[in-house]
Amino acid sequence: MSTEFIVRTLHCEDGVVGLNGYQYLLHEDDSLMKFETKEVAKRFLTQNDIDLDTVEIIDIKTGEILNG
């Protein structure tokens, strides 16, 4: 059974807030970036100097919100 995780945040460096308040981590082509596991998502965020305290990692299948 495959599970995917996405990353969202309310934190925005330029002060702009999206319509629903959340910004989602996207690829360069604006497609939603998905990760196989929470650990893979955390590793990507850490390697790209994204503060884990400012993001939420979401299990796509269950909708469960997992703090970074």
N, C-alpha and C. Protein backbone atom coordinates (compact mmCIF):
# COMPACT_ATOMS: atom_id res chain seq x y z
N MET A 1 0.84 -1.18 0.00
CA MET A 1 0.00 0.00 0.00
C MET A 1 0.89 1.25 0.00
N SER A 2 0.76 2.07 -1.01
CA SER A 2 1.58 3.26 -1.16
C SER A 2 0.92 4.46 -0.49
N THR A 3 1.70 5.19 0.24
CA THR A 3 1.22 6.42 0.87
C THR A 3 2.08 7.56 0.36
N GLU A 4 1.48 8.70 0.19
CA GLU A 4 2.23 9.88 -0.22
C GLU A 4 1.99 11.00 0.77
N PHE A 5 2.97 11.86 0.88
CA PHE A 5 2.92 12.99 1.79
C PHE A 5 3.17 14.27 1.01
N ILE A 6 2.50 15.34 1.42
CA ILE A 6 2.72 16.66 0.84
C ILE A 6 3.08 17.61 1.98
N VAL A 7 3.59 18.77 1.61
CA VAL A 7 4.03 19.75 2.61
C VAL A 7 3.32 21.07 2.36
N ARG A 8 2.82 21.67 3.46
CA ARG A 8 2.20 22.99 3.35
C ARG A 8 2.68 23.87 4.50
N THR A 9 2.50 25.17 4.31
CA THR A 9 2.93 26.13 5.33
C THR A 9 2.04 27.36 5.31
N LEU A 10 1.96 28.03 6.41
CA LEU A 10 1.34 29.35 6.48
C LEU A 10 2.40 30.43 6.40
N HIS A 11 3.66 30.03 6.56
CA HIS A 11 4.79 30.96 6.58
C HIS A 11 5.18 31.32 5.16
N CYS A 12 5.32 32.60 4.91
CA CYS A 12 5.72 33.05 3.58
C CYS A 12 6.69 34.21 3.73
N GLU A 13 7.84 34.10 3.11
CA GLU A 13 8.88 35.11 3.25
C GLU A 13 8.45 36.50 2.77
N ASP A 14 7.60 36.57 1.74
CA ASP A 14 7.21 37.88 1.20
C ASP A 14 5.95 38.44 1.84
N GLY A 15 5.41 37.74 2.83
CA GLY A 15 4.24 38.24 3.54
C GLY A 15 2.92 37.98 2.85
N VAL A 16 2.94 37.39 1.66
CA VAL A 16 1.71 37.10 0.93
C VAL A 16 1.09 35.82 1.49
N VAL A 17 -0.22 35.83 1.67
CA VAL A 17 -0.93 34.65 2.15
C VAL A 17 -1.86 34.18 1.05
N GLY A 18 -1.85 32.87 0.77
CA GLY A 18 -2.71 32.32 -0.27
C GLY A 18 -4.18 32.44 0.09
N LEU A 19 -5.05 32.17 -0.86
CA LEU A 19 -6.49 32.30 -0.66
C LEU A 19 -6.99 31.52 0.55
N ASN A 20 -6.51 30.29 0.72
CA ASN A 20 -6.93 29.52 1.89
C ASN A 20 -5.92 29.63 3.02
N GLY A 21 -4.94 30.47 2.85
CA GLY A 21 -3.94 30.68 3.89
C GLY A 21 -2.72 29.79 3.79
N TYR A 22 -2.78 28.76 2.99
CA TYR A 22 -1.67 27.81 2.91
C TYR A 22 -0.91 27.94 1.60
N GLN A 23 0.38 27.74 1.69
CA GLN A 23 1.26 27.63 0.54
C GLN A 23 1.71 26.17 0.50
N TYR A 24 1.72 25.56 -0.68
CA TYR A 24 2.11 24.15 -0.82
C TYR A 24 3.45 24.05 -1.53
N LEU A 25 4.24 23.07 -1.15
CA LEU A 25 5.54 22.84 -1.77
C LEU A 25 5.32 22.30 -3.17
N LEU A 26 5.87 23.00 -4.17
CA LEU A 26 5.66 22.65 -5.58
C LEU A 26 6.98 22.39 -6.29
N HIS A 27 6.90 21.62 -7.37
CA HIS A 27 8.03 21.46 -8.28
C HIS A 27 8.15 22.73 -9.12
N GLU A 28 9.22 22.84 -9.88
CA GLU A 28 9.42 24.01 -10.74
C GLU A 28 8.32 24.18 -11.76
N ASP A 29 7.64 23.08 -12.15
CA ASP A 29 6.56 23.16 -13.13
C ASP A 29 5.20 23.40 -12.47
N ASP A 30 5.22 23.78 -11.19
CA ASP A 30 4.03 24.09 -10.38
C ASP A 30 3.18 22.87 -10.04
N SER A 31 3.68 21.66 -10.26
CA SER A 31 2.95 20.47 -9.82
C SER A 31 3.26 20.23 -8.34
N LEU A 32 2.33 19.62 -7.64
CA LEU A 32 2.46 19.36 -6.22
C LEU A 32 3.60 18.37 -5.97
N MET A 33 4.52 18.74 -5.08
CA MET A 33 5.63 17.86 -4.73
C MET A 33 5.13 16.83 -3.73
N LYS A 34 5.33 15.55 -4.03
CA LYS A 34 4.88 14.46 -3.16
C LYS A 34 6.10 13.64 -2.72
N PHE A 35 6.01 13.11 -1.52
CA PHE A 35 7.09 12.32 -0.95
C PHE A 35 6.57 10.95 -0.54
N GLU A 36 7.42 9.93 -0.63
CA GLU A 36 7.03 8.56 -0.29
C GLU A 36 6.76 8.37 1.19
N THR A 37 7.55 9.03 2.03
CA THR A 37 7.42 8.90 3.48
C THR A 37 7.60 10.25 4.14
N LYS A 38 7.19 10.33 5.39
CA LYS A 38 7.40 11.56 6.17
C LYS A 38 8.89 11.82 6.32
N GLU A 39 9.66 10.77 6.51
CA GLU A 39 11.11 10.93 6.70
C GLU A 39 11.77 11.50 5.44
N VAL A 40 11.34 11.05 4.27
CA VAL A 40 11.89 11.58 3.02
C VAL A 40 11.54 13.06 2.89
N ALA A 41 10.33 13.43 3.25
CA ALA A 41 9.92 14.83 3.21
C ALA A 41 10.77 15.67 4.16
N LYS A 42 10.95 15.17 5.38
CA LYS A 42 11.76 15.91 6.36
C LYS A 42 13.20 16.07 5.90
N ARG A 43 13.75 15.02 5.30
CA ARG A 43 15.13 15.09 4.80
C ARG A 43 15.24 16.15 3.71
N PHE A 44 14.27 16.18 2.77
CA PHE A 44 14.28 17.18 1.70
C PHE A 44 14.20 18.59 2.29
N LEU A 45 13.30 18.79 3.23
CA LEU A 45 13.13 20.11 3.84
C LEU A 45 14.40 20.56 4.55
N THR A 46 14.99 19.65 5.32
CA THR A 46 16.22 19.97 6.05
C THR A 46 17.36 20.29 5.09
N GLN A 47 17.51 19.50 4.04
CA GLN A 47 18.58 19.74 3.07
C GLN A 47 18.40 21.05 2.32
N ASN A 48 17.18 21.56 2.28
CA ASN A 48 16.90 22.81 1.58
C ASN A 48 16.66 23.97 2.55
N ASP A 49 17.16 23.81 3.78
CA ASP A 49 17.12 24.86 4.81
C ASP A 49 15.72 25.40 5.08
N ILE A 50 14.73 24.51 5.06
CA ILE A 50 13.37 24.90 5.40
C ILE A 50 13.13 24.50 6.85
N ASP A 51 12.73 25.45 7.67
CA ASP A 51 12.50 25.25 9.10
C ASP A 51 11.32 24.31 9.31
N LEU A 52 11.57 23.17 9.91
CA LEU A 52 10.52 22.17 10.13
C LEU A 52 9.40 22.68 11.05
N ASP A 53 9.70 23.71 11.85
CA ASP A 53 8.68 24.27 12.73
C ASP A 53 7.67 25.14 11.98
N THR A 54 7.93 25.43 10.71
CA THR A 54 7.04 26.30 9.94
C THR A 54 6.18 25.54 8.93
N VAL A 55 6.30 24.21 8.92
CA VAL A 55 5.57 23.42 7.91
C VAL A 55 4.71 22.34 8.56
N GLU A 56 3.76 21.85 7.78
CA GLU A 56 2.97 20.68 8.14
C GLU A 56 3.15 19.65 7.03
N ILE A 57 3.39 18.42 7.42
CA ILE A 57 3.48 17.32 6.47
C ILE A 57 2.17 16.56 6.55
N ILE A 58 1.53 16.35 5.41
CA ILE A 58 0.19 15.77 5.38
C ILE A 58 0.19 14.43 4.67
N ASP A 59 -0.40 13.44 5.31
CA ASP A 59 -0.61 12.12 4.70
C ASP A 59 -1.79 12.27 3.75
N ILE A 60 -1.56 12.11 2.46
CA ILE A 60 -2.60 12.32 1.46
C ILE A 60 -3.77 11.36 1.65
N LYS A 61 -3.48 10.11 1.98
CA LYS A 61 -4.55 9.10 2.08
C LYS A 61 -5.48 9.35 3.26
N THR A 62 -4.92 9.72 4.41
CA THR A 62 -5.74 9.86 5.62
C THR A 62 -6.10 11.32 5.93
N GLY A 63 -5.33 12.25 5.36
CA GLY A 63 -5.53 13.67 5.69
C GLY A 63 -4.89 14.06 7.01
N GLU A 64 -4.22 13.10 7.64
CA GLU A 64 -3.58 13.37 8.94
C GLU A 64 -2.47 14.39 8.77
N ILE A 65 -2.45 15.36 9.65
CA ILE A 65 -1.43 16.41 9.64
C ILE A 65 -0.35 16.02 10.63
N LEU A 66 0.86 15.94 10.12
CA LEU A 66 2.01 15.57 10.94
C LEU A 66 2.95 16.77 10.99
N ASN A 67 3.21 17.30 12.15
CA ASN A 67 4.13 18.41 12.24
C ASN A 67 5.52 17.95 11.87
N GLY A 68 6.28 18.89 11.22
CA GLY A 68 7.63 18.58 10.81
C GLY A 68 8.46 18.17 11.98
